[in-house]
Amino acid sequence: MPSIQTALPPELANNVRNIYRECLRRAKFVGHKQGNTELVVDMIRQQFKKNMHETDPEKIQKMKDDAARGLVNHMLYESEKMAGRKFSTT
């Protein structure tokens, strides 16, 4: 199964630390808009801390794919809002 990470720039997709940082940036952005920044950022931190000792490459790849999917979905959502239209067909 191809990786969702191909939708992200390689410098982000290949590095867990960069994915973490981008997730935190997005969490701060969303939290600021909704007035719950601390809660959203805390959720991201907890998820990464919970899995920081994982050593199984397949599980790590799945978690990276899940994080990348979330980032891509948020970027699409924001671009739809900016354009004033929906790109998805749901």
PDB file of N, CA and C in Angstrom:
ATOM      1  N   MET A   1       0.850  -1.181   0.000  1.00  0.00           N
ATOM      2  CA  MET A   1       0.000   0.000   0.000  1.00  0.00           C
ATOM      3  C   MET A   1       0.889   1.236   0.000  1.00  0.00           C
ATOM      4  N   PRO A   2       0.664   2.180  -0.932  1.00  0.00           N
ATOM      5  CA  PRO A   2       1.505   3.378  -0.977  1.00  0.00           C
ATOM      6  C   PRO A   2       1.279   4.258   0.249  1.00  0.00           C
ATOM      7  N   SER A   3       2.294   4.997   0.591  1.00  0.00           N
ATOM      8  CA  SER A   3       2.253   5.834   1.773  1.00  0.00           C
ATOM      9  C   SER A   3       1.562   7.160   1.469  1.00  0.00           C
ATOM     10  N   ILE A   4       0.717   7.605   2.401  1.00  0.00           N
ATOM     11  CA  ILE A   4       0.062   8.913   2.277  1.00  0.00           C
ATOM     12  C   ILE A   4       1.091  10.030   2.368  1.00  0.00           C
ATOM     13  N   GLN A   5       2.249   9.711   2.887  1.00  0.00           N
ATOM     14  CA  GLN A   5       3.274  10.719   3.098  1.00  0.00           C
ATOM     15  C   GLN A   5       3.793  11.320   1.798  1.00  0.00           C
ATOM     16  N   THR A   6       3.521  10.698   0.660  1.00  0.00           N
ATOM     17  CA  THR A   6       3.972  11.261  -0.609  1.00  0.00           C
ATOM     18  C   THR A   6       3.289  12.587  -0.899  1.00  0.00           C
ATOM     19  N   ALA A   7       2.190  12.881  -0.218  1.00  0.00           N
ATOM     20  CA  ALA A   7       1.489  14.154  -0.383  1.00  0.00           C
ATOM     21  C   ALA A   7       2.186  15.281   0.374  1.00  0.00           C
ATOM     22  N   LEU A   8       3.123  14.937   1.248  1.00  0.00           N
ATOM     23  CA  LEU A   8       3.862  15.928   2.029  1.00  0.00           C
ATOM     24  C   LEU A   8       5.258  16.105   1.452  1.00  0.00           C
ATOM     25  N   PRO A   9       5.863  17.274   1.683  1.00  0.00           N
ATOM     26  CA  PRO A   9       7.254  17.454   1.249  1.00  0.00           C
ATOM     27  C   PRO A   9       8.155  16.416   1.919  1.00  0.00           C
ATOM     28  N   PRO A  10       9.171  15.906   1.227  1.00  0.00           N
ATOM     29  CA  PRO A  10      10.023  14.842   1.777  1.00  0.00           C
ATOM     30  C   PRO A  10      10.691  15.208   3.092  1.00  0.00           C
ATOM     31  N   GLU A  11      11.094  16.476   3.244  1.00  0.00           N
ATOM     32  CA  GLU A  11      11.754  16.863   4.495  1.00  0.00           C
ATOM     33  C   GLU A  11      10.810  16.765   5.687  1.00  0.00           C
ATOM     34  N   LEU A  12       9.516  16.807   5.444  1.00  0.00           N
ATOM     35  CA  LEU A  12       8.538  16.649   6.514  1.00  0.00           C
ATOM     36  C   LEU A  12       8.164  15.186   6.690  1.00  0.00           C
ATOM     37  N   ALA A  13       7.892  14.517   5.600  1.00  0.00           N
ATOM     38  CA  ALA A  13       7.376  13.148   5.661  1.00  0.00           C
ATOM     39  C   ALA A  13       8.382  12.145   6.210  1.00  0.00           C
ATOM     40  N   ASN A  14       9.656  12.373   5.991  1.00  0.00           N
ATOM     41  CA  ASN A  14      10.667  11.386   6.382  1.00  0.00           C
ATOM     42  C   ASN A  14      11.156  11.547   7.804  1.00  0.00           C
ATOM     43  N   ASN A  15      10.714  12.541   8.503  1.00  0.00           N
ATOM     44  CA  ASN A  15      11.257  12.827   9.817  1.00  0.00           C
ATOM     45  C   ASN A  15      10.129  12.968  10.834  1.00  0.00           C
ATOM     46  N   VAL A  16      10.097  12.091  11.813  1.00  0.00           N
ATOM     47  CA  VAL A  16       9.040  12.116  12.821  1.00  0.00           C
ATOM     48  C   VAL A  16       9.039  13.441  13.572  1.00  0.00           C
ATOM     49  N   ARG A  17      10.211  13.971  13.868  1.00  0.00           N
ATOM     50  CA  ARG A  17      10.301  15.249  14.584  1.00  0.00           C
ATOM     51  C   ARG A  17       9.630  16.371  13.786  1.00  0.00           C
ATOM     52  N   ASN A  18       9.846  16.381  12.477  1.00  0.00           N
ATOM     53  CA  ASN A  18       9.215  17.407  11.650  1.00  0.00           C
ATOM     54  C   ASN A  18       7.700  17.225  11.576  1.00  0.00           C
ATOM     55  N   ILE A  19       7.254  15.974  11.526  1.00  0.00           N
ATOM     56  CA  ILE A  19       5.807  15.713  11.547  1.00  0.00           C
ATOM     57  C   ILE A  19       5.223  16.211  12.866  1.00  0.00           C
ATOM     58  N   TYR A  20       5.916  15.922  13.959  1.00  0.00           N
ATOM     59  CA  TYR A  20       5.472  16.377  15.286  1.00  0.00           C
ATOM     60  C   TYR A  20       5.365  17.897  15.328  1.00  0.00           C
ATOM     61  N   ARG A  21       6.385  18.572  14.844  1.00  0.00           N
ATOM     62  CA  ARG A  21       6.377  20.043  14.848  1.00  0.00           C
ATOM     63  C   ARG A  21       5.233  20.599  14.007  1.00  0.00           C
ATOM     64  N   GLU A  22       5.020  20.008  12.846  1.00  0.00           N
ATOM     65  CA  GLU A  22       3.929  20.485  11.986  1.00  0.00           C
ATOM     66  C   GLU A  22       2.573  20.199  12.621  1.00  0.00           C
ATOM     67  N   CYS A  23       2.436  19.051  13.276  1.00  0.00           N
ATOM     68  CA  CYS A  23       1.183  18.756  13.995  1.00  0.00           C
ATOM     69  C   CYS A  23       0.947  19.783  15.095  1.00  0.00           C
ATOM     70  N   LEU A  24       1.999  20.159  15.812  1.00  0.00           N
ATOM     71  CA  LEU A  24       1.859  21.173  16.860  1.00  0.00           C
ATOM     72  C   LEU A  24       1.478  22.524  16.268  1.00  0.00           C
ATOM     73  N   ARG A  25       2.089  22.883  15.141  1.00  0.00           N
ATOM     74  CA  ARG A  25       1.731  24.157  14.486  1.00  0.00           C
ATOM     75  C   ARG A  25       0.246  24.171  14.113  1.00  0.00           C
ATOM     76  N   ARG A  26      -0.199  23.084  13.514  1.00  0.00           N
ATOM     77  CA  ARG A  26      -1.615  22.996  13.116  1.00  0.00           C
ATOM     78  C   ARG A  26      -2.527  22.990  14.341  1.00  0.00           C
ATOM     79  N   ALA A  27      -2.103  22.325  15.391  1.00  0.00           N
ATOM     80  CA  ALA A  27      -2.905  22.282  16.621  1.00  0.00           C
ATOM     81  C   ALA A  27      -3.033  23.679  17.219  1.00  0.00           C
ATOM     82  N   LYS A  28      -1.948  24.434  17.210  1.00  0.00           N
ATOM     83  CA  LYS A  28      -1.999  25.808  17.735  1.00  0.00           C
ATOM     84  C   LYS A  28      -2.913  26.670  16.878  1.00  0.00           C
ATOM     85  N   PHE A  29      -2.846  26.477  15.573  1.00  0.00           N
ATOM     86  CA  PHE A  29      -3.690  27.231  14.658  1.00  0.00           C
ATOM     87  C   PHE A  29      -5.172  26.936  14.914  1.00  0.00           C
ATOM     88  N   VAL A  30      -5.502  25.648  14.962  1.00  0.00           N
ATOM     89  CA  VAL A  30      -6.894  25.235  15.189  1.00  0.00           C
ATOM     90  C   VAL A  30      -7.339  25.653  16.587  1.00  0.00           C
ATOM     91  N   GLY A  31      -6.491  25.424  17.578  1.00  0.00           N
ATOM     92  CA  GLY A  31      -6.827  25.774  18.955  1.00  0.00           C
ATOM     93  C   GLY A  31      -7.069  27.259  19.132  1.00  0.00           C
ATOM     94  N   HIS A  32      -6.268  28.070  18.457  1.00  0.00           N
ATOM     95  CA  HIS A  32      -6.437  29.520  18.548  1.00  0.00           C
ATOM     96  C   HIS A  32      -7.794  29.946  17.978  1.00  0.00           C
ATOM     97  N   LYS A  33      -8.160  29.339  16.864  1.00  0.00           N
ATOM     98  CA  LYS A  33      -9.448  29.657  16.239  1.00  0.00           C
ATOM     99  C   LYS A  33     -10.628  29.229  17.104  1.00  0.00           C
ATOM    100  N   GLN A  34     -10.466  28.117  17.843  1.00  0.00           N
ATOM    101  CA  GLN A  34     -11.565  27.579  18.632  1.00  0.00           C
ATOM    102  C   GLN A  34     -11.480  27.947  20.107  1.00  0.00           C
ATOM    103  N   GLY A  35     -10.378  28.589  20.498  1.00  0.00           N
ATOM    104  CA  GLY A  35     -10.241  29.014  21.889  1.00  0.00           C
ATOM    105  C   GLY A  35      -9.838  27.908  22.847  1.00  0.00           C
ATOM    106  N   ASN A  36      -9.267  26.824  22.330  1.00  0.00           N
ATOM    107  CA  ASN A  36      -8.846  25.728  23.199  1.00  0.00           C
ATOM    108  C   ASN A  36      -7.447  25.234  22.816  1.00  0.00           C
ATOM    109  N   THR A  37      -6.545  26.170  22.599  1.00  0.00           N
ATOM    110  CA  THR A  37      -5.194  25.844  22.138  1.00  0.00           C
ATOM    111  C   THR A  37      -4.502  24.840  23.039  1.00  0.00           C
ATOM    112  N   GLU A  38      -4.530  25.084  24.336  1.00  0.00           N
ATOM    113  CA  GLU A  38      -3.826  24.214  25.274  1.00  0.00           C
ATOM    114  C   GLU A  38      -4.330  22.774  25.186  1.00  0.00           C
ATOM    115  N   LEU A  39      -5.625  22.600  25.089  1.00  0.00           N
ATOM    116  CA  LEU A  39      -6.216  21.261  25.007  1.00  0.00           C
ATOM    117  C   LEU A  39      -5.782  20.534  23.736  1.00  0.00           C
ATOM    118  N   VAL A  40      -5.853  21.209  22.608  1.00  0.00           N
ATOM    119  CA  VAL A  40      -5.521  20.572  21.332  1.00  0.00           C
ATOM    120  C   VAL A  40      -4.027  20.234  21.272  1.00  0.00           C
ATOM    121  N   VAL A  41      -3.187  21.158  21.711  1.00  0.00           N
ATOM    122  CA  VAL A  41      -1.741  20.911  21.718  1.00  0.00           C
ATOM    123  C   VAL A  41      -1.415  19.757  22.664  1.00  0.00           C
ATOM    124  N   ASP A  42      -2.060  19.730  23.801  1.00  0.00           N
ATOM    125  CA  ASP A  42      -1.852  18.652  24.773  1.00  0.00           C
ATOM    126  C   ASP A  42      -2.212  17.288  24.182  1.00  0.00           C
ATOM    127  N   MET A  43      -3.283  17.236  23.412  1.00  0.00           N
ATOM    128  CA  MET A  43      -3.698  15.978  22.777  1.00  0.00           C
ATOM    129  C   MET A  43      -2.616  15.477  21.827  1.00  0.00           C
ATOM    130  N   ILE A  44      -2.037  16.380  21.040  1.00  0.00           N
ATOM    131  CA  ILE A  44      -0.966  16.005  20.116  1.00  0.00           C
ATOM    132  C   ILE A  44       0.239  15.482  20.897  1.00  0.00           C
ATOM    133  N   ARG A  45       0.634  16.210  21.918  1.00  0.00           N
ATOM    134  CA  ARG A  45       1.792  15.795  22.724  1.00  0.00           C
ATOM    135  C   ARG A  45       1.572  14.424  23.356  1.00  0.00           C
ATOM    136  N   GLN A  46       0.387  14.200  23.881  1.00  0.00           N
ATOM    137  CA  GLN A  46       0.089  12.914  24.516  1.00  0.00           C
ATOM    138  C   GLN A  46       0.201  11.763  23.522  1.00  0.00           C
ATOM    139  N   GLN A  47      -0.315  11.958  22.315  1.00  0.00           N
ATOM    140  CA  GLN A  47      -0.252  10.897  21.307  1.00  0.00           C
ATOM    141  C   GLN A  47       1.184  10.566  20.929  1.00  0.00           C
ATOM    142  N   PHE A  48       1.999  11.596  20.743  1.00  0.00           N
ATOM    143  CA  PHE A  48       3.388  11.339  20.377  1.00  0.00           C
ATOM    144  C   PHE A  48       4.154  10.718  21.542  1.00  0.00           C
ATOM    145  N   LYS A  49       3.910  11.186  22.774  1.00  0.00           N
ATOM    146  CA  LYS A  49       4.597  10.616  23.943  1.00  0.00           C
ATOM    147  C   LYS A  49       4.211   9.161  24.147  1.00  0.00           C
ATOM    148  N   LYS A  50       2.941   8.859  23.943  1.00  0.00           N
ATOM    149  CA  LYS A  50       2.445   7.495  24.142  1.00  0.00           C
ATOM    150  C   LYS A  50       3.167   6.507  23.223  1.00  0.00           C
ATOM    151  N   ASN A  51       3.546   6.969  22.055  1.00  0.00           N
ATOM    152  CA  ASN A  51       4.129   6.077  21.054  1.00  0.00           C
ATOM    153  C   ASN A  51       5.626   6.283  20.832  1.00  0.00           C
ATOM    154  N   MET A  52       6.276   7.071  21.662  1.00  0.00           N
ATOM    155  CA  MET A  52       7.677   7.421  21.403  1.00  0.00           C
ATOM    156  C   MET A  52       8.654   6.247  21.525  1.00  0.00           C
ATOM    157  N   HIS A  53       8.276   5.184  22.193  1.00  0.00           N
ATOM    158  CA  HIS A  53       9.179   4.052  22.359  1.00  0.00           C
ATOM    159  C   HIS A  53       8.860   2.899  21.406  1.00  0.00           C
ATOM    160  N   GLU A  54       7.990   3.135  20.460  1.00  0.00           N
ATOM    161  CA  GLU A  54       7.635   2.105  19.483  1.00  0.00           C
ATOM    162  C   GLU A  54       8.855   1.785  18.613  1.00  0.00           C
ATOM    163  N   THR A  55       9.100   0.502  18.385  1.00  0.00           N
ATOM    164  CA  THR A  55      10.254   0.100  17.576  1.00  0.00           C
ATOM    165  C   THR A  55       9.868  -0.681  16.325  1.00  0.00           C
ATOM    166  N   ASP A  56       8.628  -1.113  16.224  1.00  0.00           N
ATOM    167  CA  ASP A  56       8.175  -1.873  15.059  1.00  0.00           C
ATOM    168  C   ASP A  56       8.060  -0.927  13.849  1.00  0.00           C
ATOM    169  N   PRO A  57       8.873  -1.146  12.810  1.00  0.00           N
ATOM    170  CA  PRO A  57       8.864  -0.248  11.655  1.00  0.00           C
ATOM    171  C   PRO A  57       7.490  -0.117  10.984  1.00  0.00           C
ATOM    172  N   GLU A  58       6.737  -1.206  10.935  1.00  0.00           N
ATOM    173  CA  GLU A  58       5.409  -1.137  10.313  1.00  0.00           C
ATOM    174  C   GLU A  58       4.460  -0.259  11.114  1.00  0.00           C
ATOM    175  N   LYS A  59       4.495  -0.397  12.434  1.00  0.00           N
ATOM    176  CA  LYS A  59       3.645   0.437  13.284  1.00  0.00           C
ATOM    177  C   LYS A  59       4.061   1.903  13.190  1.00  0.00           C
ATOM    178  N   ILE A  60       5.362   2.144  13.161  1.00  0.00           N
ATOM    179  CA  ILE A  60       5.862   3.519  13.043  1.00  0.00           C
ATOM    180  C   ILE A  60       5.403   4.117  11.731  1.00  0.00           C
ATOM    181  N   GLN A  61       5.509   3.349  10.640  1.00  0.00           N
ATOM    182  CA  GLN A  61       5.077   3.847   9.339  1.00  0.00           C
ATOM    183  C   GLN A  61       3.583   4.150   9.340  1.00  0.00           C
ATOM    184  N   LYS A  62       2.786   3.294   9.980  1.00  0.00           N
ATOM    185  CA  LYS A  62       1.342   3.534  10.049  1.00  0.00           C
ATOM    186  C   LYS A  62       1.042   4.802  10.829  1.00  0.00           C
ATOM    187  N   MET A  63       1.748   5.013  11.935  1.00  0.00           N
ATOM    188  CA  MET A  63       1.519   6.230  12.720  1.00  0.00           C
ATOM    189  C   MET A  63       1.938   7.471  11.939  1.00  0.00           C
ATOM    190  N   LYS A  64       3.051   7.372  11.206  1.00  0.00           N
ATOM    191  CA  LYS A  64       3.481   8.496  10.383  1.00  0.00           C
ATOM    192  C   LYS A  64       2.448   8.780   9.294  1.00  0.00           C
ATOM    193  N   ASP A  65       1.918   7.707   8.684  1.00  0.00           N
ATOM    194  CA  ASP A  65       0.881   7.873   7.659  1.00  0.00           C
ATOM    195  C   ASP A  65      -0.373   8.521   8.242  1.00  0.00           C
ATOM    196  N   ASP A  66      -0.767   8.090   9.434  1.00  0.00           N
ATOM    197  CA  ASP A  66      -1.949   8.665  10.081  1.00  0.00           C
ATOM    198  C   ASP A  66      -1.750  10.155  10.356  1.00  0.00           C
ATOM    199  N   ALA A  67      -0.567  10.512  10.853  1.00  0.00           N
ATOM    200  CA  ALA A  67      -0.273  11.920  11.125  1.00  0.00           C
ATOM    201  C   ALA A  67      -0.256  12.719   9.823  1.00  0.00           C
ATOM    202  N   ALA A  68       0.358  12.156   8.794  1.00  0.00           N
ATOM    203  CA  ALA A  68       0.411  12.834   7.499  1.00  0.00           C
ATOM    204  C   ALA A  68      -0.992  13.017   6.933  1.00  0.00           C
ATOM    205  N   ARG A  69      -1.837  12.002   7.077  1.00  0.00           N
ATOM    206  CA  ARG A  69      -3.221  12.098   6.600  1.00  0.00           C
ATOM    207  C   ARG A  69      -3.953  13.233   7.301  1.00  0.00           C
ATOM    208  N   GLY A  70      -3.760  13.333   8.605  1.00  0.00           N
ATOM    209  CA  GLY A  70      -4.385  14.418   9.356  1.00  0.00           C
ATOM    210  C   GLY A  70      -3.911  15.779   8.895  1.00  0.00           C
ATOM    211  N   LEU A  71      -2.611  15.905   8.638  1.00  0.00           N
ATOM    212  CA  LEU A  71      -2.070  17.182   8.161  1.00  0.00           C
ATOM    213  C   LEU A  71      -2.619  17.533   6.779  1.00  0.00           C
ATOM    214  N   VAL A  72      -2.641  16.548   5.889  1.00  0.00           N
ATOM    215  CA  VAL A  72      -3.152  16.796   4.539  1.00  0.00           C
ATOM    216  C   VAL A  72      -4.632  17.164   4.595  1.00  0.00           C
ATOM    217  N   ASN A  73      -5.404  16.462   5.398  1.00  0.00           N
ATOM    218  CA  ASN A  73      -6.832  16.783   5.533  1.00  0.00           C
ATOM    219  C   ASN A  73      -7.037  18.200   6.041  1.00  0.00           C
ATOM    220  N   HIS A  74      -6.225  18.608   7.013  1.00  0.00           N
ATOM    221  CA  HIS A  74      -6.371  19.968   7.539  1.00  0.00           C
ATOM    222  C   HIS A  74      -5.987  21.004   6.491  1.00  0.00           C
ATOM    223  N   MET A  75      -4.930  20.735   5.730  1.00  0.00           N
ATOM    224  CA  MET A  75      -4.536  21.678   4.680  1.00  0.00           C
ATOM    225  C   MET A  75      -5.623  21.792   3.618  1.00  0.00           C
ATOM    226  N   LEU A  76      -6.230  20.665   3.249  1.00  0.00           N
ATOM    227  CA  LEU A  76      -7.330  20.711   2.277  1.00  0.00           C
ATOM    228  C   LEU A  76      -8.520  21.486   2.826  1.00  0.00           C
ATOM    229  N   TYR A  77      -8.847  21.241   4.079  1.00  0.00           N
ATOM    230  CA  TYR A  77      -9.964  21.938   4.715  1.00  0.00           C
ATOM    231  C   TYR A  77      -9.736  23.445   4.698  1.00  0.00           C
ATOM    232  N   GLU A  78      -8.542  23.868   5.079  1.00  0.00           N
ATOM    233  CA  GLU A  78      -8.244  25.300   5.107  1.00  0.00           C
ATOM    234  C   GLU A  78      -8.240  25.902   3.710  1.00  0.00           C
ATOM    235  N   SER A  79      -7.724  25.166   2.730  1.00  0.00           N
ATOM    236  CA  SER A  79      -7.718  25.704   1.371  1.00  0.00           C
ATOM    237  C   SER A  79      -9.137  25.799   0.811  1.00  0.00           C
ATOM    238  N   GLU A  80     -10.008  24.851   1.186  1.00  0.00           N
ATOM    239  CA  GLU A  80     -11.413  24.926   0.778  1.00  0.00           C
ATOM    240  C   GLU A  80     -12.069  26.167   1.365  1.00  0.00           C
ATOM    241  N   LYS A  81     -11.792  26.439   2.627  1.00  0.00           N
ATOM    242  CA  LYS A  81     -12.366  27.618   3.271  1.00  0.00           C
ATOM    243  C   LYS A  81     -11.872  28.895   2.600  1.00  0.00           C
ATOM    244  N   MET A  82     -10.575  28.933   2.277  1.00  0.00           N
ATOM    245  CA  MET A  82     -10.015  30.129   1.643  1.00  0.00           C
ATOM    246  C   MET A  82     -10.602  30.349   0.257  1.00  0.00           C
ATOM    247  N   ALA A  83     -10.828  29.264  -0.465  1.00  0.00           N
ATOM    248  CA  ALA A  83     -11.356  29.366  -1.816  1.00  0.00           C
ATOM    249  C   ALA A  83     -12.872  29.565  -1.822  1.00  0.00           C
ATOM    250  N   GLY A  84     -13.503  29.288  -0.685  1.00  0.00           N
ATOM    251  CA  GLY A  84     -14.950  29.435  -0.596  1.00  0.00           C
ATOM    252  C   GLY A  84     -15.711  28.343  -1.308  1.00  0.00           C
ATOM    253  N   ARG A  85     -15.084  27.205  -1.496  1.00  0.00           N
ATOM    254  CA  ARG A  85     -15.762  26.089  -2.153  1.00  0.00           C
ATOM    255  C   ARG A  85     -15.198  24.777  -1.645  1.00  0.00           C
ATOM    256  N   LYS A  86     -15.872  23.698  -2.002  1.00  0.00           N
ATOM    257  CA  LYS A  86     -15.440  22.360  -1.596  1.00  0.00           C
ATOM    258  C   LYS A  86     -14.740  21.694  -2.752  1.00  0.00           C
ATOM    259  N   PHE A  87     -13.577  21.090  -2.457  1.00  0.00           N
ATOM    260  CA  PHE A  87     -12.866  20.307  -3.459  1.00  0.00           C
ATOM    261  C   PHE A  87     -13.258  18.848  -3.378  1.00  0.00           C
ATOM    262  N   SER A  88     -13.614  18.418  -2.169  1.00  0.00           N
ATOM    263  CA  SER A  88     -13.987  17.009  -1.984  1.00  0.00           C
ATOM    264  C   SER A  88     -15.422  16.797  -2.421  1.00  0.00           C
ATOM    265  N   THR A  89     -15.761  15.531  -2.661  1.00  0.00           N
ATOM    266  CA  THR A  89     -17.111  15.210  -3.138  1.00  0.00           C
ATOM    267  C   THR A  89     -17.878  14.395  -2.122  1.00  0.00           C
ATOM    268  N   THR A  90     -17.779  14.753  -0.841  1.00  0.00           N
ATOM    269  CA  THR A  90     -18.496  14.013   0.191  1.00  0.00           C
ATOM    270  C   THR A  90     -19.787  14.693   0.536  1.00  0.00           C
TER     271      THR A  90
END
